[in-house]
C-alpha cells in the first residue's frame, strides 16, 4: 500500500508539473531555440556588414529567448565593443565568462576590457585565467602579464614569469630576446 501511495503521488505531481504555468513542452522549447538561433544568425549577418546596431538588436533579442547562451552573450559583447560601447561590452563579457568559464577567448576579451577601464588588477586576473586555459599561448601574453605585475608593484612575480618563459625549451631565440 505504501509503495502504491508513493507511485500515485509521483504520477500526480508529474501530471501537475506538466500542466503548471511556466513549464514548457518539448515543442515549445524547440520553437524558442529555433527563434534564438535565427536571431543569432541575423546578428552574424549584420556583423558581416559591420552593422553593429543591427547586430546588437538581433543578439539582444536572441538573448531574451536563450538567456543562458554564452555564445550569444559573447557575440553581443563583441558587437558592443565594435560599436564603441566598452562598458556595455564588459557587462556582456562578464556574463559570457559566468556562463562558460572554461572558454579562453572570453577571458581574453575580459582582460582587454578591464585594461581599457584601467583596472589592471582585474585585467591581470583575467589574463592569468586565459593563460591557464590556453597553455600554448604566445609569448606576448606573458609579456603583457609581466607588464601588469610591474605596474602593480609585483616585481618578483613579473621577473619569475619572464624567467620561466625564457627558460622554456619551446621559446625561440627571438622570444627570449623580447623577454630580455
N, C-alpha and C. Protein backbone atom coordinates (compact mmCIF):
# COMPACT_ATOMS: atom_id res chain seq x y z
N UNK A 1 0.82 -1.20 0.00
CA UNK A 1 0.00 0.00 0.00
C UNK A 1 0.87 1.27 0.00
N UNK A 2 1.95 1.27 0.80
CA UNK A 2 2.79 2.47 0.84
C UNK A 2 3.44 2.72 -0.52
N UNK A 3 3.91 1.65 -1.17
CA UNK A 3 4.55 1.76 -2.47
C UNK A 3 3.56 2.33 -3.51
N UNK A 4 2.32 1.84 -3.46
CA UNK A 4 1.29 2.33 -4.38
C UNK A 4 1.01 3.80 -4.12
N UNK A 5 0.97 4.17 -2.84
CA UNK A 5 0.75 5.57 -2.47
C UNK A 5 1.86 6.46 -3.03
N UNK A 6 3.11 6.02 -2.89
CA UNK A 6 4.25 6.78 -3.39
C UNK A 6 4.18 6.91 -4.91
N UNK A 7 3.85 5.83 -5.59
CA UNK A 7 3.76 5.85 -7.06
C UNK A 7 2.64 6.78 -7.52
N UNK A 8 1.49 6.70 -6.89
CA UNK A 8 0.37 7.56 -7.27
C UNK A 8 0.69 9.03 -7.01
N UNK A 9 1.35 9.30 -5.90
CA UNK A 9 1.74 10.67 -5.58
C UNK A 9 2.71 11.20 -6.63
N UNK A 10 3.69 10.38 -7.01
CA UNK A 10 4.66 10.78 -8.03
C UNK A 10 3.97 11.06 -9.35
N UNK A 11 3.05 10.21 -9.76
CA UNK A 11 2.32 10.42 -11.01
C UNK A 11 1.49 11.70 -10.95
N UNK A 12 0.85 11.94 -9.84
CA UNK A 12 0.03 13.13 -9.67
C UNK A 12 0.90 14.38 -9.77
N UNK A 13 2.03 14.36 -9.08
CA UNK A 13 2.93 15.51 -9.13
C UNK A 13 3.49 15.72 -10.52
N UNK A 14 3.83 14.66 -11.20
CA UNK A 14 4.35 14.78 -12.57
C UNK A 14 3.29 15.37 -13.49
N UNK A 15 2.05 14.95 -13.32
CA UNK A 15 0.96 15.49 -14.14
C UNK A 15 0.73 16.95 -13.86
N UNK A 16 0.80 17.34 -12.60
CA UNK A 16 0.63 18.74 -12.23
C UNK A 16 1.77 19.59 -12.77
N UNK A 17 2.98 19.07 -12.71
CA UNK A 17 4.13 19.83 -13.19
C UNK A 17 4.03 20.05 -14.69
N UNK A 18 3.55 19.06 -15.42
CA UNK A 18 3.45 19.20 -16.87
C UNK A 18 2.43 20.26 -17.26
N UNK A 19 1.41 20.45 -16.43
CA UNK A 19 0.37 21.43 -16.72
C UNK A 19 0.58 22.75 -15.98
N UNK A 20 1.63 22.85 -15.20
CA UNK A 20 1.87 24.05 -14.41
C UNK A 20 2.27 25.21 -15.32
N UNK A 21 1.84 26.43 -14.96
CA UNK A 21 2.24 27.59 -15.76
C UNK A 21 3.77 27.75 -15.70
N UNK A 22 4.36 28.14 -16.83
CA UNK A 22 5.80 28.34 -16.88
C UNK A 22 6.57 27.11 -17.30
N UNK A 23 5.95 25.92 -17.27
CA UNK A 23 6.62 24.71 -17.70
C UNK A 23 6.35 24.54 -19.19
N UNK A 24 7.43 24.45 -19.96
CA UNK A 24 7.30 24.40 -21.41
C UNK A 24 7.40 22.97 -21.92
N UNK A 25 6.64 22.71 -22.96
CA UNK A 25 6.70 21.40 -23.60
C UNK A 25 7.96 21.33 -24.47
N UNK A 26 8.28 20.14 -24.92
CA UNK A 26 9.44 19.95 -25.79
C UNK A 26 9.28 20.74 -27.08
N UNK A 27 8.07 20.80 -27.61
CA UNK A 27 7.81 21.55 -28.86
C UNK A 27 8.03 23.05 -28.64
N UNK A 28 7.58 23.54 -27.47
CA UNK A 28 7.78 24.96 -27.17
C UNK A 28 9.26 25.28 -27.00
N UNK A 29 9.99 24.39 -26.37
CA UNK A 29 11.43 24.58 -26.19
C UNK A 29 12.13 24.58 -27.55
N UNK A 30 11.77 23.66 -28.42
CA UNK A 30 12.34 23.61 -29.77
C UNK A 30 12.07 24.91 -30.52
N UNK A 31 10.84 25.42 -30.40
CA UNK A 31 10.47 26.67 -31.09
C UNK A 31 11.29 27.85 -30.56
N UNK A 32 11.46 27.92 -29.25
CA UNK A 32 12.25 29.00 -28.64
C UNK A 32 13.70 28.92 -29.10
N UNK A 33 14.26 27.71 -29.12
CA UNK A 33 15.64 27.54 -29.56
C UNK A 33 15.79 27.93 -31.03
N UNK A 34 14.78 27.62 -31.85
CA UNK A 34 14.83 27.98 -33.26
C UNK A 34 14.81 29.50 -33.43
N UNK A 35 13.96 30.16 -32.69
CA UNK A 35 13.87 31.62 -32.78
C UNK A 35 15.20 32.24 -32.35
N UNK A 36 15.75 31.76 -31.24
CA UNK A 36 17.04 32.29 -30.76
C UNK A 36 18.13 32.05 -31.81
N UNK A 37 18.14 30.87 -32.41
CA UNK A 37 19.13 30.54 -33.44
C UNK A 37 18.99 31.43 -34.66
N UNK A 38 17.75 31.67 -35.09
CA UNK A 38 17.51 32.55 -36.24
C UNK A 38 17.98 33.97 -35.96
N UNK A 39 17.68 34.46 -34.76
CA UNK A 39 18.12 35.81 -34.38
C UNK A 39 19.64 35.89 -34.28
N UNK A 40 20.26 34.83 -33.79
CA UNK A 40 21.72 34.77 -33.72
C UNK A 40 22.31 34.87 -35.13
N UNK A 41 21.74 34.14 -36.07
CA UNK A 41 22.22 34.20 -37.45
C UNK A 41 22.01 35.59 -38.06
N UNK A 42 20.90 36.23 -37.74
CA UNK A 42 20.68 37.60 -38.20
C UNK A 42 21.78 38.51 -37.67
N UNK A 43 22.15 38.32 -36.41
CA UNK A 43 23.23 39.11 -35.83
C UNK A 43 24.54 38.87 -36.54
N UNK A 44 24.84 37.61 -36.86
CA UNK A 44 26.07 37.28 -37.59
C UNK A 44 26.09 37.94 -38.97
N UNK A 45 24.93 37.94 -39.65
CA UNK A 45 24.86 38.59 -40.97
C UNK A 45 25.07 40.10 -40.83
N UNK A 46 24.54 40.69 -39.78
CA UNK A 46 24.75 42.12 -39.55
C UNK A 46 26.23 42.40 -39.26
N UNK A 47 26.88 41.49 -38.55
CA UNK A 47 28.32 41.65 -38.28
C UNK A 47 29.12 41.69 -39.58
N UNK A 48 28.79 40.80 -40.50
CA UNK A 48 29.49 40.75 -41.78
C UNK A 48 29.38 42.10 -42.48
N UNK A 49 28.23 42.75 -42.35
CA UNK A 49 28.00 44.06 -42.96
C UNK A 49 28.56 45.20 -42.09
N UNK A 50 29.12 44.83 -40.94
CA UNK A 50 29.62 45.81 -39.97
C UNK A 50 28.51 46.77 -39.50
N UNK A 51 27.30 46.25 -39.45
CA UNK A 51 26.15 46.99 -38.97
C UNK A 51 25.96 46.64 -37.50
N UNK A 52 26.76 47.28 -36.66
CA UNK A 52 26.79 46.93 -35.24
C UNK A 52 25.47 47.17 -34.52
N UNK A 53 24.75 48.28 -34.80
CA UNK A 53 23.44 48.43 -34.13
C UNK A 53 22.46 47.30 -34.48
N UNK A 54 22.46 46.85 -35.74
CA UNK A 54 21.56 45.75 -36.12
C UNK A 54 22.00 44.45 -35.45
N UNK A 55 23.31 44.22 -35.38
CA UNK A 55 23.82 43.02 -34.71
C UNK A 55 23.42 43.04 -33.24
N UNK A 56 23.59 44.18 -32.61
CA UNK A 56 23.23 44.32 -31.20
C UNK A 56 21.75 44.04 -30.98
N UNK A 57 20.91 44.58 -31.85
CA UNK A 57 19.47 44.36 -31.74
C UNK A 57 19.13 42.87 -31.86
N UNK A 58 19.71 42.21 -32.86
CA UNK A 58 19.43 40.77 -33.06
C UNK A 58 19.92 39.94 -31.89
N UNK A 59 21.15 40.21 -31.44
CA UNK A 59 21.71 39.43 -30.33
C UNK A 59 20.95 39.68 -29.03
N UNK A 60 20.54 40.91 -28.81
CA UNK A 60 19.79 41.23 -27.59
C UNK A 60 18.47 40.47 -27.57
N UNK A 61 17.79 40.44 -28.72
CA UNK A 61 16.53 39.70 -28.79
C UNK A 61 16.78 38.20 -28.65
N UNK A 62 17.85 37.70 -29.27
CA UNK A 62 18.17 36.27 -29.16
C UNK A 62 18.44 35.89 -27.71
N UNK A 63 19.11 36.77 -26.99
CA UNK A 63 19.43 36.51 -25.58
C UNK A 63 18.18 36.48 -24.72
N UNK A 64 17.15 37.20 -25.13
CA UNK A 64 15.88 37.14 -24.41
C UNK A 64 15.25 35.75 -24.54
N UNK A 65 15.44 35.13 -25.68
CA UNK A 65 14.91 33.77 -25.89
C UNK A 65 15.80 32.71 -25.25
N UNK A 66 17.11 32.97 -25.22
CA UNK A 66 18.05 32.00 -24.67
C UNK A 66 19.02 32.71 -23.72
N UNK A 67 18.57 33.06 -22.51
CA UNK A 67 19.40 33.85 -21.60
C UNK A 67 20.59 33.09 -21.01
N UNK A 68 20.71 31.81 -21.30
CA UNK A 68 21.84 31.02 -20.79
C UNK A 68 22.87 30.73 -21.88
N UNK A 69 22.80 31.44 -22.99
CA UNK A 69 23.73 31.21 -24.10
C UNK A 69 24.98 32.07 -23.95
N UNK A 70 26.10 31.41 -23.68
CA UNK A 70 27.36 32.13 -23.60
C UNK A 70 27.76 32.66 -24.98
N UNK A 71 27.42 31.93 -26.04
CA UNK A 71 27.78 32.37 -27.39
C UNK A 71 27.08 33.67 -27.77
N UNK A 72 25.80 33.76 -27.42
CA UNK A 72 25.06 34.99 -27.72
C UNK A 72 25.60 36.14 -26.89
N UNK A 73 25.85 35.89 -25.61
CA UNK A 73 26.40 36.95 -24.74
C UNK A 73 27.75 37.44 -25.27
N UNK A 74 28.60 36.53 -25.72
CA UNK A 74 29.91 36.89 -26.25
C UNK A 74 29.78 37.66 -27.56
N UNK A 75 28.88 37.22 -28.44
CA UNK A 75 28.66 37.94 -29.70
C UNK A 75 28.15 39.34 -29.42
N UNK A 76 27.28 39.47 -28.44
CA UNK A 76 26.75 40.78 -28.05
C UNK A 76 27.86 41.65 -27.49
N UNK A 77 28.73 41.07 -26.68
CA UNK A 77 29.86 41.82 -26.12
C UNK A 77 30.77 42.34 -27.22
N UNK A 78 31.08 41.49 -28.19
CA UNK A 78 31.95 41.91 -29.30
C UNK A 78 31.30 43.00 -30.14
N UNK A 79 29.99 42.88 -30.36
CA UNK A 79 29.29 43.90 -31.14
C UNK A 79 29.28 45.24 -30.43
N UNK A 80 29.03 45.22 -29.13
CA UNK A 80 29.09 46.47 -28.37
C UNK A 80 30.50 47.06 -28.40
N UNK A 81 31.51 46.22 -28.33
CA UNK A 81 32.89 46.69 -28.41
C UNK A 81 33.13 47.38 -29.75
N UNK A 82 32.71 46.74 -30.82
CA UNK A 82 32.90 47.31 -32.15
C UNK A 82 32.10 48.59 -32.34
N UNK A 83 31.02 48.73 -31.59
CA UNK A 83 30.19 49.93 -31.65
C UNK A 83 30.70 51.02 -30.70
N UNK A 84 31.82 50.74 -30.02
CA UNK A 84 32.42 51.75 -29.15
C UNK A 84 31.81 51.85 -27.77
N UNK A 85 31.08 50.84 -27.36
CA UNK A 85 30.41 50.86 -26.05
C UNK A 85 31.09 49.84 -25.14
N UNK A 86 32.27 50.21 -24.66
CA UNK A 86 33.12 49.29 -23.90
C UNK A 86 32.48 48.83 -22.59
N UNK A 87 31.83 49.72 -21.89
CA UNK A 87 31.25 49.32 -20.59
C UNK A 87 30.12 48.32 -20.75
N UNK A 88 29.31 48.50 -21.77
CA UNK A 88 28.24 47.54 -22.02
C UNK A 88 28.85 46.23 -22.50
N UNK A 89 29.90 46.34 -23.31
CA UNK A 89 30.62 45.15 -23.76
C UNK A 89 31.17 44.38 -22.56
N UNK A 90 31.71 45.10 -21.61
CA UNK A 90 32.25 44.48 -20.40
C UNK A 90 31.16 43.70 -19.65
N UNK A 91 29.98 44.27 -19.56
CA UNK A 91 28.88 43.62 -18.86
C UNK A 91 28.54 42.27 -19.52
N UNK A 92 28.45 42.25 -20.84
CA UNK A 92 28.11 41.01 -21.53
C UNK A 92 29.29 40.03 -21.58
N UNK A 93 30.50 40.55 -21.54
CA UNK A 93 31.66 39.67 -21.47
C UNK A 93 31.67 38.94 -20.13
N UNK A 94 31.39 39.66 -19.06
CA UNK A 94 31.31 39.03 -17.74
C UNK A 94 30.20 37.98 -17.71
N UNK A 95 29.12 38.25 -18.42
CA UNK A 95 28.03 37.27 -18.49
C UNK A 95 28.51 36.01 -19.21
N UNK A 96 29.20 36.18 -20.33
CA UNK A 96 29.71 35.02 -21.08
C UNK A 96 30.69 34.22 -20.22
N UNK A 97 31.56 34.91 -19.49
CA UNK A 97 32.52 34.24 -18.61
C UNK A 97 31.79 33.45 -17.52
N UNK A 98 30.74 34.04 -16.96
CA UNK A 98 29.97 33.37 -15.92
C UNK A 98 29.28 32.13 -16.47
N UNK A 99 28.77 32.23 -17.69
CA UNK A 99 28.05 31.11 -18.29
C UNK A 99 28.97 29.98 -18.74
N UNK A 100 30.19 30.34 -19.18
CA UNK A 100 31.12 29.30 -19.63
C UNK A 100 32.55 29.72 -19.25
N UNK A 101 32.91 29.49 -18.00
CA UNK A 101 34.21 29.96 -17.51
C UNK A 101 35.43 29.23 -18.09
N UNK A 102 35.22 28.20 -18.88
CA UNK A 102 36.35 27.46 -19.45
C UNK A 102 36.69 27.91 -20.88
N UNK A 103 36.06 28.98 -21.35
CA UNK A 103 36.32 29.46 -22.70
C UNK A 103 37.38 30.56 -22.66
N UNK A 104 38.56 30.25 -23.17
CA UNK A 104 39.71 31.16 -23.10
C UNK A 104 39.43 32.50 -23.78
N UNK A 105 38.76 32.50 -24.90
CA UNK A 105 38.51 33.74 -25.64
C UNK A 105 37.70 34.74 -24.81
N UNK A 106 36.80 34.25 -23.97
CA UNK A 106 36.00 35.14 -23.13
C UNK A 106 36.90 35.86 -22.12
N UNK A 107 37.84 35.11 -21.56
CA UNK A 107 38.77 35.71 -20.59
C UNK A 107 39.69 36.71 -21.27
N UNK A 108 40.07 36.43 -22.50
CA UNK A 108 40.95 37.35 -23.22
C UNK A 108 40.23 38.67 -23.47
N UNK A 109 38.97 38.62 -23.87
CA UNK A 109 38.21 39.84 -24.07
C UNK A 109 38.01 40.57 -22.75
N UNK A 110 37.75 39.83 -21.69
CA UNK A 110 37.60 40.44 -20.37
C UNK A 110 38.87 41.17 -19.96
N UNK A 111 40.02 40.54 -20.21
CA UNK A 111 41.31 41.16 -19.90
C UNK A 111 41.44 42.49 -20.64
N UNK A 112 41.14 42.48 -21.92
CA UNK A 112 41.26 43.70 -22.73
C UNK A 112 40.34 44.81 -22.20
N UNK A 113 39.10 44.46 -21.92
CA UNK A 113 38.13 45.47 -21.46
C UNK A 113 38.47 46.01 -20.08
N UNK A 114 38.94 45.14 -19.20
CA UNK A 114 39.35 45.61 -17.86
C UNK A 114 40.54 46.56 -17.98
N UNK A 115 41.46 46.25 -18.89
CA UNK A 115 42.59 47.15 -19.11
C UNK A 115 42.11 48.51 -19.63
N UNK A 116 41.12 48.49 -20.52
CA UNK A 116 40.57 49.74 -21.05
C UNK A 116 39.93 50.59 -19.94
N UNK A 117 39.42 49.93 -18.93
CA UNK A 117 38.82 50.62 -17.78
C UNK A 117 39.88 50.98 -16.73
N UNK A 118 41.14 50.67 -17.04
CA UNK A 118 42.28 50.95 -16.17
C UNK A 118 42.21 50.18 -14.85
N UNK A 119 41.61 49.01 -14.89
CA UNK A 119 41.58 48.12 -13.73
C UNK A 119 42.61 47.02 -13.99
N UNK A 120 43.86 47.37 -13.76
CA UNK A 120 44.97 46.49 -14.09
C UNK A 120 44.91 45.20 -13.28
N UNK A 121 44.51 45.28 -12.02
CA UNK A 121 44.42 44.06 -11.21
C UNK A 121 43.40 43.08 -11.79
N UNK A 122 42.26 43.59 -12.26
CA UNK A 122 41.23 42.73 -12.85
C UNK A 122 41.70 42.22 -14.22
N UNK A 123 42.41 43.06 -14.96
CA UNK A 123 42.94 42.63 -16.25
C UNK A 123 43.96 41.51 -16.04
N UNK A 124 44.79 41.65 -15.01
CA UNK A 124 45.78 40.61 -14.71
C UNK A 124 45.10 39.30 -14.33
N UNK A 125 44.06 39.37 -13.51
CA UNK A 125 43.32 38.16 -13.12
C UNK A 125 42.73 37.47 -14.35
N UNK A 126 42.15 38.25 -15.24
CA UNK A 126 41.54 37.67 -16.44
C UNK A 126 42.62 37.05 -17.33
N UNK A 127 43.75 37.73 -17.46
CA UNK A 127 44.83 37.20 -18.29
C UNK A 127 45.42 35.93 -17.68
N UNK A 128 45.52 35.88 -16.36
CA UNK A 128 46.01 34.66 -15.70
C UNK A 128 45.09 33.48 -16.02
N UNK A 129 43.78 33.71 -16.00
CA UNK A 129 42.84 32.64 -16.33
C UNK A 129 42.99 32.23 -17.79
N UNK A 130 43.15 33.20 -18.67
CA UNK A 130 43.35 32.90 -20.08
C UNK A 130 44.58 32.01 -20.26
N UNK A 131 45.68 32.36 -19.59
CA UNK A 131 46.92 31.59 -19.72
C UNK A 131 46.76 30.16 -19.20
N UNK A 132 45.98 30.00 -18.13
CA UNK A 132 45.72 28.65 -17.60
C UNK A 132 44.92 27.82 -18.60
N UNK A 133 43.97 28.47 -19.26
CA UNK A 133 43.11 27.75 -20.20
C UNK A 133 43.78 27.52 -21.55
N UNK A 134 44.80 28.30 -21.84
CA UNK A 134 45.48 28.20 -23.13
C UNK A 134 46.99 28.10 -22.90
N UNK A 135 47.46 26.92 -22.48
CA UNK A 135 48.87 26.77 -22.13
C UNK A 135 49.83 26.98 -23.31
N UNK A 136 49.34 26.89 -24.53
CA UNK A 136 50.20 27.10 -25.70
C UNK A 136 50.13 28.54 -26.22
N UNK A 137 49.89 29.47 -25.32
CA UNK A 137 49.75 30.89 -25.67
C UNK A 137 51.07 31.47 -26.20
N UNK A 138 50.93 32.60 -26.86
CA UNK A 138 52.09 33.29 -27.41
C UNK A 138 52.82 34.05 -26.32
N UNK A 139 54.08 34.33 -26.56
CA UNK A 139 54.93 35.00 -25.57
C UNK A 139 54.42 36.40 -25.24
N UNK A 140 53.77 37.06 -26.18
CA UNK A 140 53.29 38.42 -25.91
C UNK A 140 52.29 38.46 -24.76
N UNK A 141 51.60 37.35 -24.51
CA UNK A 141 50.68 37.31 -23.37
C UNK A 141 51.46 37.29 -22.05
N UNK A 142 52.57 36.57 -22.03
CA UNK A 142 53.42 36.58 -20.83
C UNK A 142 54.00 37.98 -20.61
N UNK A 143 54.40 38.61 -21.70
CA UNK A 143 54.96 39.96 -21.59
C UNK A 143 53.91 40.94 -21.04
N UNK A 144 52.68 40.80 -21.51
CA UNK A 144 51.59 41.67 -21.04
C UNK A 144 51.32 41.44 -19.55
N UNK A 145 51.29 40.16 -19.13
CA UNK A 145 51.05 39.86 -17.72
C UNK A 145 52.19 40.39 -16.86
N UNK A 146 53.41 40.24 -17.33
CA UNK A 146 54.56 40.79 -16.60
C UNK A 146 54.44 42.31 -16.48
N UNK A 147 53.99 42.95 -17.54
CA UNK A 147 53.78 44.40 -17.51
C UNK A 147 52.74 44.76 -16.44
N UNK A 148 51.66 44.02 -16.37
CA UNK A 148 50.65 44.25 -15.33
C UNK A 148 51.29 44.09 -13.95
N UNK A 149 52.06 43.02 -13.77
CA UNK A 149 52.68 42.77 -12.48
C UNK A 149 53.60 43.93 -12.09
N UNK A 150 54.42 44.38 -13.04
CA UNK A 150 55.31 45.51 -12.75
C UNK A 150 54.50 46.75 -12.36
N UNK A 151 53.41 47.00 -13.07
CA UNK A 151 52.55 48.15 -12.79
C UNK A 151 51.95 48.07 -11.39
N UNK A 152 51.63 46.84 -10.95
CA UNK A 152 51.03 46.65 -9.63
C UNK A 152 52.08 46.53 -8.53
N UNK A 153 53.37 46.65 -8.89
CA UNK A 153 54.43 46.53 -7.90
C UNK A 153 54.78 45.10 -7.53
N UNK A 154 54.35 44.15 -8.33
CA UNK A 154 54.65 42.74 -8.09
C UNK A 154 55.87 42.35 -8.92
N UNK A 155 56.98 42.99 -8.63
CA UNK A 155 58.20 42.81 -9.43
C UNK A 155 58.71 41.38 -9.40
N UNK A 156 58.65 40.73 -8.24
CA UNK A 156 59.13 39.34 -8.15
C UNK A 156 58.29 38.42 -9.03
N UNK A 157 57.00 38.61 -9.01
CA UNK A 157 56.11 37.77 -9.84
C UNK A 157 56.40 38.01 -11.32
N UNK A 158 56.62 39.26 -11.68
CA UNK A 158 56.91 39.58 -13.08
C UNK A 158 58.22 38.94 -13.53
N UNK A 159 59.25 39.07 -12.72
CA UNK A 159 60.55 38.50 -13.08
C UNK A 159 60.48 36.98 -13.15
N UNK A 160 59.79 36.38 -12.21
CA UNK A 160 59.64 34.92 -12.21
C UNK A 160 58.95 34.45 -13.48
N UNK A 161 57.88 35.11 -13.84
CA UNK A 161 57.13 34.77 -15.05
C UNK A 161 58.03 34.86 -16.29
N UNK A 162 58.77 35.94 -16.39
CA UNK A 162 59.63 36.13 -17.56
C UNK A 162 60.77 35.13 -17.61
N UNK A 163 61.36 34.84 -16.45
CA UNK A 163 62.46 33.86 -16.43
C UNK A 163 61.96 32.46 -16.79
N UNK A 164 60.79 32.10 -16.30
CA UNK A 164 60.22 30.78 -16.64
C UNK A 164 59.98 30.68 -18.14
N UNK A 165 59.48 31.75 -18.74
CA UNK A 165 59.22 31.72 -20.18
C UNK A 165 60.54 31.68 -20.96
N UNK A 166 61.54 32.42 -20.49
CA UNK A 166 62.83 32.44 -21.18
C UNK A 166 63.51 31.07 -21.12
N UNK A 167 63.31 30.36 -20.03
CA UNK A 167 63.93 29.04 -19.84
C UNK A 167 63.14 27.92 -20.51
N UNK A 168 61.94 28.22 -20.96
CA UNK A 168 61.10 27.21 -21.60
C UNK A 168 61.78 26.71 -22.88
N UNK A 169 61.87 25.41 -23.02
CA UNK A 169 62.52 24.81 -24.19
C UNK A 169 61.84 25.19 -25.51
N UNK A 170 60.58 25.57 -25.44
CA UNK A 170 59.83 25.90 -26.65
C UNK A 170 60.00 27.36 -27.07
N UNK A 171 60.65 28.17 -26.22
CA UNK A 171 60.84 29.58 -26.55
C UNK A 171 61.92 29.71 -27.61
N UNK A 172 61.63 30.54 -28.61
CA UNK A 172 62.59 30.77 -29.67
C UNK A 172 63.60 31.82 -29.23
N UNK A 173 64.68 31.94 -29.98
CA UNK A 173 65.70 32.95 -29.67
C UNK A 173 65.11 34.35 -29.73
N UNK A 174 64.22 34.58 -30.68
CA UNK A 174 63.57 35.89 -30.81
C UNK A 174 62.70 36.19 -29.58
N UNK A 175 61.97 35.17 -29.11
CA UNK A 175 61.13 35.36 -27.92
C UNK A 175 61.99 35.65 -26.70
N UNK A 176 63.09 34.95 -26.54
CA UNK A 176 63.99 35.19 -25.41
C UNK A 176 64.53 36.60 -25.49
N UNK A 177 64.86 37.06 -26.70
CA UNK A 177 65.36 38.44 -26.87
C UNK A 177 64.27 39.44 -26.48
N UNK A 178 63.04 39.18 -26.86
CA UNK A 178 61.92 40.08 -26.48
C UNK A 178 61.73 40.09 -24.96
N UNK A 179 61.88 38.94 -24.34
CA UNK A 179 61.74 38.85 -22.89
C UNK A 179 62.83 39.67 -22.21
N UNK A 180 64.03 39.56 -22.72
CA UNK A 180 65.16 40.31 -22.14
C UNK A 180 64.92 41.78 -22.28
